[in-house]
Amino acid sequence: MSDKSKDFESLVGELETVVKTLEEGDPKIEKDLKRYERGKQLIRLCRQRLEESERRIEILTERGEVRAAPGSLDAAGVDEPSQ
């Protein structure tokens, strides 16, 4: 499964596993460096997901109106409510 298709909770779960493994220590520095790099990548992905969610909430709550989302959020499908 690619990172883009993982949900936020899955990304955070993987990040927690990386952090726990790093805290336990591994005598092989190469493995720790790869885990650290993966952790940094997961943090960026989680921040991106949170920022996208915040923008979506702002769009949905601003004056009670629903508008088309900017940028990558258009693909997320902010639809007009049916009346």
PDB file of N, CA and C in Angstrom:
ATOM      1  N   MET A   1       0.853  -1.174   0.000  1.00  0.00           N
ATOM      2  CA  MET A   1       0.000   0.000   0.000  1.00  0.00           C
ATOM      3  C   MET A   1       0.899   1.237   0.000  1.00  0.00           C
ATOM      4  N   SER A   2       0.638   2.168  -0.881  1.00  0.00           N
ATOM      5  CA  SER A   2       1.448   3.382  -0.944  1.00  0.00           C
ATOM      6  C   SER A   2       1.051   4.326   0.190  1.00  0.00           C
ATOM      7  N   ASP A   3       1.972   5.225   0.535  1.00  0.00           N
ATOM      8  CA  ASP A   3       1.714   6.180   1.611  1.00  0.00           C
ATOM      9  C   ASP A   3       0.516   7.069   1.306  1.00  0.00           C
ATOM     10  N   LYS A   4       0.314   7.413   0.043  1.00  0.00           N
ATOM     11  CA  LYS A   4      -0.794   8.301  -0.318  1.00  0.00           C
ATOM     12  C   LYS A   4      -2.141   7.654  -0.085  1.00  0.00           C
ATOM     13  N   SER A   5      -2.200   6.329  -0.145  1.00  0.00           N
ATOM     14  CA  SER A   5      -3.479   5.657   0.052  1.00  0.00           C
ATOM     15  C   SER A   5      -3.717   5.273   1.516  1.00  0.00           C
ATOM     16  N   LYS A   6      -2.720   5.448   2.374  1.00  0.00           N
ATOM     17  CA  LYS A   6      -2.893   5.134   3.793  1.00  0.00           C
ATOM     18  C   LYS A   6      -3.664   6.254   4.484  1.00  0.00           C
ATOM     19  N   ASP A   7      -4.486   5.881   5.448  1.00  0.00           N
ATOM     20  CA  ASP A   7      -5.194   6.908   6.201  1.00  0.00           C
ATOM     21  C   ASP A   7      -4.290   7.449   7.312  1.00  0.00           C
ATOM     22  N   PHE A   8      -4.709   8.547   7.903  1.00  0.00           N
ATOM     23  CA  PHE A   8      -3.918   9.229   8.920  1.00  0.00           C
ATOM     24  C   PHE A   8      -3.561   8.295  10.078  1.00  0.00           C
ATOM     25  N   GLU A   9      -4.514   7.520  10.530  1.00  0.00           N
ATOM     26  CA  GLU A   9      -4.288   6.633  11.663  1.00  0.00           C
ATOM     27  C   GLU A   9      -3.220   5.586  11.352  1.00  0.00           C
ATOM     28  N   SER A  10      -3.205   5.076  10.135  1.00  0.00           N
ATOM     29  CA  SER A  10      -2.188   4.106   9.734  1.00  0.00           C
ATOM     30  C   SER A  10      -0.800   4.733   9.728  1.00  0.00           C
ATOM     31  N   LEU A  11      -0.719   5.966   9.221  1.00  0.00           N
ATOM     32  CA  LEU A  11       0.560   6.668   9.205  1.00  0.00           C
ATOM     33  C   LEU A  11       1.068   6.904  10.623  1.00  0.00           C
ATOM     34  N   VAL A  12       0.188   7.342  11.515  1.00  0.00           N
ATOM     35  CA  VAL A  12       0.585   7.581  12.899  1.00  0.00           C
ATOM     36  C   VAL A  12       0.999   6.270  13.569  1.00  0.00           C
ATOM     37  N   GLY A  13       0.277   5.197  13.304  1.00  0.00           N
ATOM     38  CA  GLY A  13       0.631   3.898  13.869  1.00  0.00           C
ATOM     39  C   GLY A  13       2.019   3.449  13.435  1.00  0.00           C
ATOM     40  N   GLU A  14       2.317   3.628  12.161  1.00  0.00           N
ATOM     41  CA  GLU A  14       3.653   3.266  11.670  1.00  0.00           C
ATOM     42  C   GLU A  14       4.715   4.155  12.304  1.00  0.00           C
ATOM     43  N   LEU A  15       4.407   5.441  12.439  1.00  0.00           N
ATOM     44  CA  LEU A  15       5.349   6.364  13.080  1.00  0.00           C
ATOM     45  C   LEU A  15       5.620   5.948  14.521  1.00  0.00           C
ATOM     46  N   GLU A  16       4.586   5.561  15.258  1.00  0.00           N
ATOM     47  CA  GLU A  16       4.762   5.110  16.635  1.00  0.00           C
ATOM     48  C   GLU A  16       5.666   3.875  16.697  1.00  0.00           C
ATOM     49  N   THR A  17       5.501   2.963  15.749  1.00  0.00           N
ATOM     50  CA  THR A  17       6.350   1.770  15.692  1.00  0.00           C
ATOM     51  C   THR A  17       7.803   2.153  15.428  1.00  0.00           C
ATOM     52  N   VAL A  18       8.025   3.095  14.519  1.00  0.00           N
ATOM     53  CA  VAL A  18       9.381   3.547  14.212  1.00  0.00           C
ATOM     54  C   VAL A  18      10.018   4.165  15.452  1.00  0.00           C
ATOM     55  N   VAL A  19       9.286   5.024  16.144  1.00  0.00           N
ATOM     56  CA  VAL A  19       9.812   5.688  17.332  1.00  0.00           C
ATOM     57  C   VAL A  19      10.146   4.663  18.415  1.00  0.00           C
ATOM     58  N   LYS A  20       9.250   3.721  18.639  1.00  0.00           N
ATOM     59  CA  LYS A  20       9.488   2.688  19.657  1.00  0.00           C
ATOM     60  C   LYS A  20      10.739   1.882  19.328  1.00  0.00           C
ATOM     61  N   THR A  21      10.893   1.501  18.078  1.00  0.00           N
ATOM     62  CA  THR A  21      12.055   0.725  17.663  1.00  0.00           C
ATOM     63  C   THR A  21      13.342   1.528  17.849  1.00  0.00           C
ATOM     64  N   LEU A  22      13.300   2.817  17.514  1.00  0.00           N
ATOM     65  CA  LEU A  22      14.473   3.671  17.699  1.00  0.00           C
ATOM     66  C   LEU A  22      14.815   3.816  19.184  1.00  0.00           C
ATOM     67  N   GLU A  23      13.799   3.925  20.020  1.00  0.00           N
ATOM     68  CA  GLU A  23      14.031   4.059  21.463  1.00  0.00           C
ATOM     69  C   GLU A  23      14.665   2.802  22.054  1.00  0.00           C
ATOM     70  N   GLU A  24      14.299   1.642  21.513  1.00  0.00           N
ATOM     71  CA  GLU A  24      14.858   0.386  22.008  1.00  0.00           C
ATOM     72  C   GLU A  24      16.320   0.247  21.621  1.00  0.00           C
ATOM     73  N   GLY A  25      16.711   0.901  20.556  1.00  0.00           N
ATOM     74  CA  GLY A  25      18.103   0.872  20.124  1.00  0.00           C
ATOM     75  C   GLY A  25      18.420  -0.351  19.295  1.00  0.00           C
ATOM     76  N   ASP A  26      19.295  -0.170  18.352  1.00  0.00           N
ATOM     77  CA  ASP A  26      19.749  -1.239  17.473  1.00  0.00           C
ATOM     78  C   ASP A  26      21.246  -1.000  17.281  1.00  0.00           C
ATOM     79  N   PRO A  27      22.047  -2.026  17.470  1.00  0.00           N
ATOM     80  CA  PRO A  27      23.484  -1.819  17.345  1.00  0.00           C
ATOM     81  C   PRO A  27      23.937  -1.446  15.927  1.00  0.00           C
ATOM     82  N   LYS A  28      23.060  -1.581  14.955  1.00  0.00           N
ATOM     83  CA  LYS A  28      23.421  -1.250  13.576  1.00  0.00           C
ATOM     84  C   LYS A  28      22.909   0.143  13.228  1.00  0.00           C
ATOM     85  N   ILE A  29      23.830   1.079  13.135  1.00  0.00           N
ATOM     86  CA  ILE A  29      23.482   2.476  12.883  1.00  0.00           C
ATOM     87  C   ILE A  29      22.750   2.647  11.550  1.00  0.00           C
ATOM     88  N   GLU A  30      23.063   1.830  10.558  1.00  0.00           N
ATOM     89  CA  GLU A  30      22.411   1.961   9.249  1.00  0.00           C
ATOM     90  C   GLU A  30      20.902   1.746   9.362  1.00  0.00           C
ATOM     91  N   LYS A  31      20.513   0.771  10.154  1.00  0.00           N
ATOM     92  CA  LYS A  31      19.080   0.512  10.333  1.00  0.00           C
ATOM     93  C   LYS A  31      18.408   1.679  11.042  1.00  0.00           C
ATOM     94  N   ASP A  32      19.066   2.209  12.067  1.00  0.00           N
ATOM     95  CA  ASP A  32      18.507   3.344  12.783  1.00  0.00           C
ATOM     96  C   ASP A  32      18.371   4.559  11.875  1.00  0.00           C
ATOM     97  N   LEU A  33      19.342   4.791  11.025  1.00  0.00           N
ATOM     98  CA  LEU A  33      19.262   5.927  10.102  1.00  0.00           C
ATOM     99  C   LEU A  33      18.100   5.765   9.136  1.00  0.00           C
ATOM    100  N   LYS A  34      17.885   4.560   8.634  1.00  0.00           N
ATOM    101  CA  LYS A  34      16.749   4.326   7.731  1.00  0.00           C
ATOM    102  C   LYS A  34      15.424   4.516   8.467  1.00  0.00           C
ATOM    103  N   ARG A  35      15.368   4.049   9.709  1.00  0.00           N
ATOM    104  CA  ARG A  35      14.138   4.237  10.493  1.00  0.00           C
ATOM    105  C   ARG A  35      13.898   5.720  10.763  1.00  0.00           C
ATOM    106  N   TYR A  36      14.965   6.439  11.092  1.00  0.00           N
ATOM    107  CA  TYR A  36      14.831   7.870  11.339  1.00  0.00           C
ATOM    108  C   TYR A  36      14.321   8.588  10.093  1.00  0.00           C
ATOM    109  N   GLU A  37      14.894   8.269   8.942  1.00  0.00           N
ATOM    110  CA  GLU A  37      14.451   8.879   7.687  1.00  0.00           C
ATOM    111  C   GLU A  37      12.984   8.560   7.426  1.00  0.00           C
ATOM    112  N   ARG A  38      12.591   7.326   7.681  1.00  0.00           N
ATOM    113  CA  ARG A  38      11.181   6.943   7.483  1.00  0.00           C
ATOM    114  C   ARG A  38      10.290   7.718   8.446  1.00  0.00           C
ATOM    115  N   GLY A  39      10.741   7.874   9.679  1.00  0.00           N
ATOM    116  CA  GLY A  39       9.978   8.642  10.661  1.00  0.00           C
ATOM    117  C   GLY A  39       9.764  10.077  10.214  1.00  0.00           C
ATOM    118  N   LYS A  40      10.818  10.703   9.693  1.00  0.00           N
ATOM    119  CA  LYS A  40      10.697  12.084   9.204  1.00  0.00           C
ATOM    120  C   LYS A  40       9.698  12.154   8.041  1.00  0.00           C
ATOM    121  N   GLN A  41       9.747  11.166   7.165  1.00  0.00           N
ATOM    122  CA  GLN A  41       8.815  11.119   6.031  1.00  0.00           C
ATOM    123  C   GLN A  41       7.373  10.975   6.537  1.00  0.00           C
ATOM    124  N   LEU A  42       7.172  10.124   7.533  1.00  0.00           N
ATOM    125  CA  LEU A  42       5.826   9.930   8.087  1.00  0.00           C
ATOM    126  C   LEU A  42       5.319  11.199   8.763  1.00  0.00           C
ATOM    127  N   ILE A  43       6.195  11.913   9.447  1.00  0.00           N
ATOM    128  CA  ILE A  43       5.798  13.175  10.086  1.00  0.00           C
ATOM    129  C   ILE A  43       5.332  14.165   9.029  1.00  0.00           C
ATOM    130  N   ARG A  44       6.068  14.282   7.931  1.00  0.00           N
ATOM    131  CA  ARG A  44       5.654  15.200   6.851  1.00  0.00           C
ATOM    132  C   ARG A  44       4.291  14.807   6.290  1.00  0.00           C
ATOM    133  N   LEU A  45       4.086  13.508   6.070  1.00  0.00           N
ATOM    134  CA  LEU A  45       2.804  13.047   5.537  1.00  0.00           C
ATOM    135  C   LEU A  45       1.662  13.336   6.508  1.00  0.00           C
ATOM    136  N   CYS A  46       1.889  13.099   7.790  1.00  0.00           N
ATOM    137  CA  CYS A  46       0.846  13.365   8.787  1.00  0.00           C
ATOM    138  C   CYS A  46       0.514  14.851   8.848  1.00  0.00           C
ATOM    139  N   ARG A  47       1.528  15.695   8.818  1.00  0.00           N
ATOM    140  CA  ARG A  47       1.280  17.145   8.819  1.00  0.00           C
ATOM    141  C   ARG A  47       0.481  17.563   7.604  1.00  0.00           C
ATOM    142  N   GLN A  48       0.842  16.997   6.457  1.00  0.00           N
ATOM    143  CA  GLN A  48       0.126  17.325   5.229  1.00  0.00           C
ATOM    144  C   GLN A  48      -1.345  16.930   5.331  1.00  0.00           C
ATOM    145  N   ARG A  49      -1.612  15.726   5.838  1.00  0.00           N
ATOM    146  CA  ARG A  49      -2.995  15.276   5.997  1.00  0.00           C
ATOM    147  C   ARG A  49      -3.760  16.173   6.953  1.00  0.00           C
ATOM    148  N   LEU A  50      -3.124  16.565   8.066  1.00  0.00           N
ATOM    149  CA  LEU A  50      -3.792  17.441   9.026  1.00  0.00           C
ATOM    150  C   LEU A  50      -4.094  18.804   8.415  1.00  0.00           C
ATOM    151  N   GLU A  51      -3.142  19.369   7.673  1.00  0.00           N
ATOM    152  CA  GLU A  51      -3.357  20.666   7.035  1.00  0.00           C
ATOM    153  C   GLU A  51      -4.493  20.595   6.018  1.00  0.00           C
ATOM    154  N   GLU A  52      -4.536  19.515   5.247  1.00  0.00           N
ATOM    155  CA  GLU A  52      -5.627  19.357   4.280  1.00  0.00           C
ATOM    156  C   GLU A  52      -6.970  19.249   4.987  1.00  0.00           C
ATOM    157  N   SER A  53      -6.995  18.524   6.093  1.00  0.00           N
ATOM    158  CA  SER A  53      -8.250  18.394   6.858  1.00  0.00           C
ATOM    159  C   SER A  53      -8.669  19.734   7.439  1.00  0.00           C
ATOM    160  N   GLU A  54      -7.714  20.497   7.955  1.00  0.00           N
ATOM    161  CA  GLU A  54      -8.035  21.816   8.502  1.00  0.00           C
ATOM    162  C   GLU A  54      -8.603  22.727   7.424  1.00  0.00           C
ATOM    163  N   ARG A  55      -7.999  22.717   6.242  1.00  0.00           N
ATOM    164  CA  ARG A  55      -8.519  23.552   5.148  1.00  0.00           C
ATOM    165  C   ARG A  55      -9.919  23.131   4.762  1.00  0.00           C
ATOM    166  N   ARG A  56     -10.157  21.838   4.760  1.00  0.00           N
ATOM    167  CA  ARG A  56     -11.497  21.346   4.416  1.00  0.00           C
ATOM    168  C   ARG A  56     -12.526  21.797   5.431  1.00  0.00           C
ATOM    169  N   ILE A  57     -12.170  21.734   6.700  1.00  0.00           N
ATOM    170  CA  ILE A  57     -13.081  22.177   7.762  1.00  0.00           C
ATOM    171  C   ILE A  57     -13.348  23.668   7.631  1.00  0.00           C
ATOM    172  N   GLU A  58     -12.297  24.455   7.367  1.00  0.00           N
ATOM    173  CA  GLU A  58     -12.481  25.898   7.189  1.00  0.00           C
ATOM    174  C   GLU A  58     -13.431  26.194   6.039  1.00  0.00           C
ATOM    175  N   ILE A  59     -13.289  25.470   4.959  1.00  0.00           N
ATOM    176  CA  ILE A  59     -14.149  25.681   3.793  1.00  0.00           C
ATOM    177  C   ILE A  59     -15.593  25.333   4.136  1.00  0.00           C
ATOM    178  N   LEU A  60     -15.781  24.249   4.885  1.00  0.00           N
ATOM    179  CA  LEU A  60     -17.139  23.803   5.205  1.00  0.00           C
ATOM    180  C   LEU A  60     -17.821  24.679   6.254  1.00  0.00           C
ATOM    181  N   THR A  61     -17.056  25.306   7.125  1.00  0.00           N
ATOM    182  CA  THR A  61     -17.671  26.047   8.218  1.00  0.00           C
ATOM    183  C   THR A  61     -17.736  27.552   7.993  1.00  0.00           C
ATOM    184  N   GLU A  62     -16.986  28.056   7.043  1.00  0.00           N
ATOM    185  CA  GLU A  62     -16.977  29.500   6.815  1.00  0.00           C
ATOM    186  C   GLU A  62     -18.348  29.969   6.362  1.00  0.00           C
ATOM    187  N   ARG A  63     -19.023  30.743   7.172  1.00  0.00           N
ATOM    188  CA  ARG A  63     -20.349  31.311   6.883  1.00  0.00           C
ATOM    189  C   ARG A  63     -21.373  30.251   6.506  1.00  0.00           C
ATOM    190  N   GLY A  64     -21.122  29.025   6.895  1.00  0.00           N
ATOM    191  CA  GLY A  64     -22.084  27.974   6.622  1.00  0.00           C
ATOM    192  C   GLY A  64     -22.202  27.594   5.159  1.00  0.00           C
ATOM    193  N   GLU A  65     -21.295  28.103   4.347  1.00  0.00           N
ATOM    194  CA  GLU A  65     -21.351  27.828   2.915  1.00  0.00           C
ATOM    195  C   GLU A  65     -20.379  26.714   2.559  1.00  0.00           C
ATOM    196  N   VAL A  66     -20.723  25.959   1.565  1.00  0.00           N
ATOM    197  CA  VAL A  66     -19.825  24.944   1.033  1.00  0.00           C
ATOM    198  C   VAL A  66     -19.325  25.453  -0.307  1.00  0.00           C
ATOM    199  N   ARG A  67     -17.990  25.517  -0.428  1.00  0.00           N
ATOM    200  CA  ARG A  67     -17.389  25.986  -1.673  1.00  0.00           C
ATOM    201  C   ARG A  67     -16.415  24.937  -2.188  1.00  0.00           C
ATOM    202  N   ALA A  68     -16.036  25.063  -3.434  1.00  0.00           N
ATOM    203  CA  ALA A  68     -15.040  24.158  -3.999  1.00  0.00           C
ATOM    204  C   ALA A  68     -13.735  24.325  -3.236  1.00  0.00           C
ATOM    205  N   ALA A  69     -13.084  23.210  -2.943  1.00  0.00           N
ATOM    206  CA  ALA A  69     -11.831  23.234  -2.202  1.00  0.00           C
ATOM    207  C   ALA A  69     -10.682  23.634  -3.123  1.00  0.00           C
ATOM    208  N   PRO A  70      -9.697  24.337  -2.559  1.00  0.00           N
ATOM    209  CA  PRO A  70      -8.540  24.723  -3.360  1.00  0.00           C
ATOM    210  C   PRO A  70      -7.599  23.546  -3.565  1.00  0.00           C
ATOM    211  N   GLY A  71      -6.821  23.602  -4.606  1.00  0.00           N
ATOM    212  CA  GLY A  71      -5.738  22.654  -4.839  1.00  0.00           C
ATOM    213  C   GLY A  71      -6.125  21.206  -4.774  1.00  0.00           C
ATOM    214  N   SER A  72      -5.321  20.442  -4.031  1.00  0.00           N
ATOM    215  CA  SER A  72      -5.480  18.988  -3.980  1.00  0.00           C
ATOM    216  C   SER A  72      -6.772  18.557  -3.300  1.00  0.00           C
ATOM    217  N   LEU A  73      -7.429  19.449  -2.612  1.00  0.00           N
ATOM    218  CA  LEU A  73      -8.655  19.065  -1.932  1.00  0.00           C
ATOM    219  C   LEU A  73      -9.820  18.872  -2.895  1.00  0.00           C
ATOM    220  N   ASP A  74      -9.719  19.411  -4.104  1.00  0.00           N
ATOM    221  CA  ASP A  74     -10.778  19.193  -5.089  1.00  0.00           C
ATOM    222  C   ASP A  74     -10.995  17.707  -5.320  1.00  0.00           C
ATOM    223  N   ALA A  75      -9.921  16.946  -5.332  1.00  0.00           N
ATOM    224  CA  ALA A  75     -10.009  15.510  -5.564  1.00  0.00           C
ATOM    225  C   ALA A  75     -10.641  14.794  -4.381  1.00  0.00           C
ATOM    226  N   ALA A  76     -10.616  15.417  -3.192  1.00  0.00           N
ATOM    227  CA  ALA A  76     -11.181  14.791  -1.997  1.00  0.00           C
ATOM    228  C   ALA A  76     -12.702  14.777  -2.046  1.00  0.00           C
ATOM    229  N   GLY A  77     -13.275  15.603  -2.885  1.00  0.00           N
ATOM    230  CA  GLY A  77     -14.717  15.544  -3.096  1.00  0.00           C
ATOM    231  C   GLY A  77     -15.537  16.324  -2.093  1.00  0.00           C
ATOM    232  N   VAL A  78     -15.360  17.620  -2.043  1.00  0.00           N
ATOM    233  CA  VAL A  78     -16.233  18.463  -1.235  1.00  0.00           C
ATOM    234  C   VAL A  78     -17.432  18.779  -2.106  1.00  0.00           C
ATOM    235  N   ASP A  79     -18.535  18.137  -1.833  1.00  0.00           N
ATOM    236  CA  ASP A  79     -19.717  18.266  -2.672  1.00  0.00           C
ATOM    237  C   ASP A  79     -20.713  19.252  -2.071  1.00  0.00           C
ATOM    238  N   GLU A  80     -21.482  19.844  -2.935  1.00  0.00           N
ATOM    239  CA  GLU A  80     -22.575  20.700  -2.503  1.00  0.00           C
ATOM    240  C   GLU A  80     -23.644  19.818  -1.879  1.00  0.00           C
ATOM    241  N   PRO A  81     -24.230  20.235  -0.778  1.00  0.00           N
ATOM    242  CA  PRO A  81     -25.303  19.419  -0.193  1.00  0.00           C
ATOM    243  C   PRO A  81     -26.538  19.436  -1.076  1.00  0.00           C
ATOM    244  N   SER A  82     -27.230  18.310  -1.132  1.00  0.00           N
ATOM    245  CA  SER A  82     -28.447  18.261  -1.931  1.00  0.00           C
ATOM    246  C   SER A  82     -29.575  18.909  -1.142  1.00  0.00           C
ATOM    247  N   GLN A  83     -30.479  19.592  -1.868  1.00  0.00           N
ATOM    248  CA  GLN A  83     -31.558  20.303  -1.193  1.00  0.00           C
ATOM    249  C   GLN A  83     -32.883  19.797  -1.602  1.00  0.00           C
TER     250      GLN A  83
END
